[in-house]
Amino acid sequence: MILGQENMTFRFAQKEDAALILHFIRELAKYEKRPDQVFATEEMITEWLFEKERAEAFFLVVDGKEIGYALFFHNFSTFSGRGGIYLEDLYVDPAFRGRGYGKASLQQLARIASERGCNRMEWTCLDWNKPSLDFYQSLGAHPKEGCVAFRLEGDALNKLAE
């Protein structure tokens, strides 16, 4: 255990945590230099996470204070015939970085995946974010070679849906 982690716990987010989740989303967006791209509201988070149950989140708690979070959802591999977990967000408050809390959060998510019978975890990382890229690779994660991520959104999504 890393120094300072003896007072670390995790707790799953509840409906009343929508504002705190949104706070961490905004903090992550600032770090990623994309604060103007957050359109989520507390109501949307409540609806999609807690009413529709399309995603889950847990908080990293140190000395009774939430210092970070992970937001994730299940995906499915047709090749393996098993579910997986897609990590949408992982955030640790800058004042607590470099102490092993990010790794502890990924370990917690790996435990959740294992307990649920999942055989993989996936996520994306911005290509300029060298500290995170190095961190993920130090854990044994690797870029998914031979694949290019695509996104269909906004007007293009609506046009295709017509």
Protein backbone atom coordinates (compact mmCIF):
# COMPACT_ATOMS: atom_id res chain seq x y z
CA MET A 1 0.00 0.00 0.00
CA ILE A 2 1.29 3.44 -0.89
CA LEU A 3 1.68 6.04 1.86
CA GLY A 4 -1.59 7.89 2.37
CA GLN A 5 -3.75 5.14 0.87
CA GLU A 6 -4.56 3.63 4.25
CA ASN A 7 -7.47 6.11 4.51
CA MET A 8 -8.68 5.39 0.96
CA THR A 9 -12.03 3.82 0.15
CA PHE A 10 -14.35 3.58 -2.82
CA ARG A 11 -18.08 4.10 -2.97
CA PHE A 12 -20.56 3.73 -5.79
CA ALA A 13 -22.32 6.91 -6.82
CA GLN A 14 -25.95 7.38 -5.86
CA LYS A 15 -28.66 9.55 -7.41
CA GLU A 16 -27.93 12.36 -4.93
CA ASP A 17 -24.33 12.50 -6.26
CA ALA A 18 -25.30 13.91 -9.68
CA ALA A 19 -23.86 17.35 -8.84
CA LEU A 20 -20.57 15.84 -7.65
CA ILE A 21 -20.30 13.72 -10.80
CA LEU A 22 -20.88 16.82 -12.92
CA HIS A 23 -18.20 18.66 -10.91
CA PHE A 24 -15.66 15.95 -11.73
CA ILE A 25 -16.72 15.90 -15.39
CA ARG A 26 -16.07 19.65 -15.58
CA GLU A 27 -12.71 19.28 -13.85
CA LEU A 28 -11.68 16.55 -16.30
CA ALA A 29 -12.80 18.70 -19.23
CA LYS A 30 -10.63 21.57 -17.97
CA TYR A 31 -7.63 19.22 -17.71
CA GLU A 32 -8.29 17.97 -21.24
CA LYS A 33 -8.48 21.57 -22.50
CA ARG A 34 -12.12 21.09 -23.53
CA PRO A 35 -14.24 22.88 -20.90
CA ASP A 36 -16.56 24.30 -23.56
CA GLN A 37 -17.56 20.78 -24.64
CA VAL A 38 -19.42 19.84 -21.46
CA PHE A 39 -23.15 19.99 -22.12
CA ALA A 40 -24.19 17.51 -19.43
CA THR A 41 -26.50 18.67 -16.66
CA GLU A 42 -27.34 17.19 -13.27
CA GLU A 43 -30.71 16.17 -14.70
CA MET A 44 -29.07 14.32 -17.59
CA ILE A 45 -26.70 12.52 -15.25
CA THR A 46 -29.60 11.53 -13.00
CA GLU A 47 -31.60 10.26 -15.97
CA TRP A 48 -28.85 8.31 -17.76
CA LEU A 49 -26.93 6.93 -14.79
CA PHE A 50 -29.62 6.33 -12.22
CA GLU A 51 -32.94 6.08 -14.03
CA LYS A 52 -31.94 4.46 -17.33
CA GLU A 53 -28.89 2.80 -15.69
CA ARG A 54 -26.74 3.19 -18.82
CA ALA A 55 -23.53 3.87 -16.90
CA GLU A 56 -22.10 3.65 -13.40
CA ALA A 57 -19.66 5.67 -11.37
CA PHE A 58 -17.68 5.25 -8.22
CA PHE A 59 -15.78 7.76 -6.14
CA LEU A 60 -12.30 7.54 -4.72
CA VAL A 61 -12.61 8.73 -1.13
CA VAL A 62 -9.65 9.78 1.02
CA ASP A 63 -10.18 10.78 4.64
CA GLY A 64 -13.92 11.02 3.97
CA LYS A 65 -13.57 13.36 0.96
CA GLU A 66 -14.21 12.42 -2.67
CA ILE A 67 -11.00 13.21 -4.56
CA GLY A 68 -11.73 11.47 -7.84
CA TYR A 69 -14.06 9.27 -9.76
CA ALA A 70 -14.42 6.68 -12.49
CA LEU A 71 -17.40 6.50 -14.84
CA PHE A 72 -17.89 3.33 -16.85
CA PHE A 73 -20.36 1.11 -18.67
CA HIS A 74 -20.51 -2.42 -20.03
CA ASN A 75 -19.73 -3.37 -23.61
CA PHE A 76 -19.68 -6.75 -25.31
CA SER A 77 -17.17 -8.67 -27.41
CA THR A 78 -18.80 -10.82 -30.04
CA PHE A 79 -15.48 -12.61 -30.60
CA SER A 80 -15.00 -13.65 -26.98
CA GLY A 81 -18.71 -13.90 -26.24
CA ARG A 82 -18.20 -12.00 -23.00
CA GLY A 83 -18.85 -8.60 -21.58
CA GLY A 84 -16.26 -5.97 -20.87
CA ILE A 85 -16.05 -2.60 -19.21
CA TYR A 86 -15.48 0.65 -21.05
CA LEU A 87 -13.95 3.35 -18.88
CA GLU A 88 -15.32 6.69 -20.02
CA ASP A 89 -13.71 8.89 -17.37
CA LEU A 90 -11.00 8.52 -14.77
CA TYR A 91 -10.16 11.60 -12.76
CA VAL A 92 -8.08 12.28 -9.66
CA ASP A 93 -7.83 15.76 -8.18
CA PRO A 94 -4.45 17.27 -9.15
CA ALA A 95 -3.47 17.75 -5.49
CA PHE A 96 -3.62 13.95 -5.06
CA ARG A 97 -1.92 12.84 -8.26
CA GLY A 98 1.35 10.91 -8.21
CA ARG A 99 0.41 9.03 -5.04
CA GLY A 100 -1.03 5.87 -6.59
CA TYR A 101 -4.70 6.84 -6.44
CA GLY A 102 -5.18 6.55 -10.21
CA LYS A 103 -3.71 3.06 -10.13
CA ALA A 104 -5.87 2.16 -7.15
CA SER A 105 -8.95 3.34 -9.06
CA LEU A 106 -8.04 1.20 -12.06
CA GLN A 107 -7.43 -1.74 -9.73
CA GLN A 108 -10.89 -1.21 -8.26
CA LEU A 109 -12.41 -1.16 -11.74
CA ALA A 110 -10.47 -4.32 -12.64
CA ARG A 111 -11.91 -6.00 -9.54
CA ILE A 112 -15.42 -4.98 -10.61
CA ALA A 113 -14.78 -6.34 -14.11
CA SER A 114 -13.43 -9.60 -12.73
CA GLU A 115 -16.30 -10.03 -10.26
CA ARG A 116 -18.78 -9.52 -13.10
CA GLY A 117 -17.07 -12.07 -15.35
CA CYS A 118 -15.77 -9.51 -17.82
CA ASN A 119 -12.61 -10.33 -19.75
CA ARG A 120 -11.39 -6.84 -20.63
CA MET A 121 -11.38 -3.14 -19.88
CA GLU A 122 -11.04 -0.52 -22.58
CA TRP A 123 -10.71 3.25 -22.72
CA THR A 124 -9.30 5.99 -24.87
CA CYS A 125 -6.66 8.55 -24.06
CA LEU A 126 -5.92 11.81 -25.80
CA ASP A 127 -2.81 11.42 -27.95
CA TRP A 128 -1.12 14.50 -26.42
CA ASN A 129 -1.56 13.25 -22.85
CA LYS A 130 1.86 11.63 -22.47
CA PRO A 131 1.71 11.29 -18.65
CA SER A 132 -1.50 9.27 -18.91
CA LEU A 133 -0.28 7.25 -21.90
CA ASP A 134 2.89 6.34 -20.00
CA PHE A 135 0.90 5.54 -16.86
CA TYR A 136 -1.50 3.19 -18.67
CA GLN A 137 1.34 1.40 -20.43
CA SER A 138 3.17 0.98 -17.11
CA LEU A 139 0.17 -1.04 -15.92
CA GLY A 140 0.37 -3.40 -18.88
CA ALA A 141 -2.33 -1.72 -20.99
CA HIS A 142 -1.53 -1.25 -24.66
CA PRO A 143 -2.93 0.80 -27.53
CA LYS A 144 -5.37 -1.17 -29.65
CA GLU A 145 -3.36 -1.62 -32.83
CA GLY A 146 -4.97 -1.85 -36.22
CA CYS A 147 -8.08 0.04 -35.13
CA VAL A 148 -9.15 3.62 -35.61
CA ALA A 149 -11.80 5.08 -33.32
CA PHE A 150 -14.78 6.59 -35.10
CA ARG A 151 -17.52 8.81 -33.76
CA LEU A 152 -20.84 9.76 -35.32
CA GLU A 153 -22.55 12.64 -33.54
CA GLY A 154 -24.70 15.72 -33.90
CA ASP A 155 -25.99 16.53 -37.37
CA ALA A 156 -24.20 13.56 -38.94
CA LEU A 157 -25.92 11.18 -36.49
CA ASN A 158 -29.31 12.77 -37.11
CA LYS A 159 -28.83 12.68 -40.86
CA LEU A 160 -27.96 8.98 -40.81
CA ALA A 161 -30.99 8.28 -38.59
CA GLU A 162 -33.37 9.86 -41.11
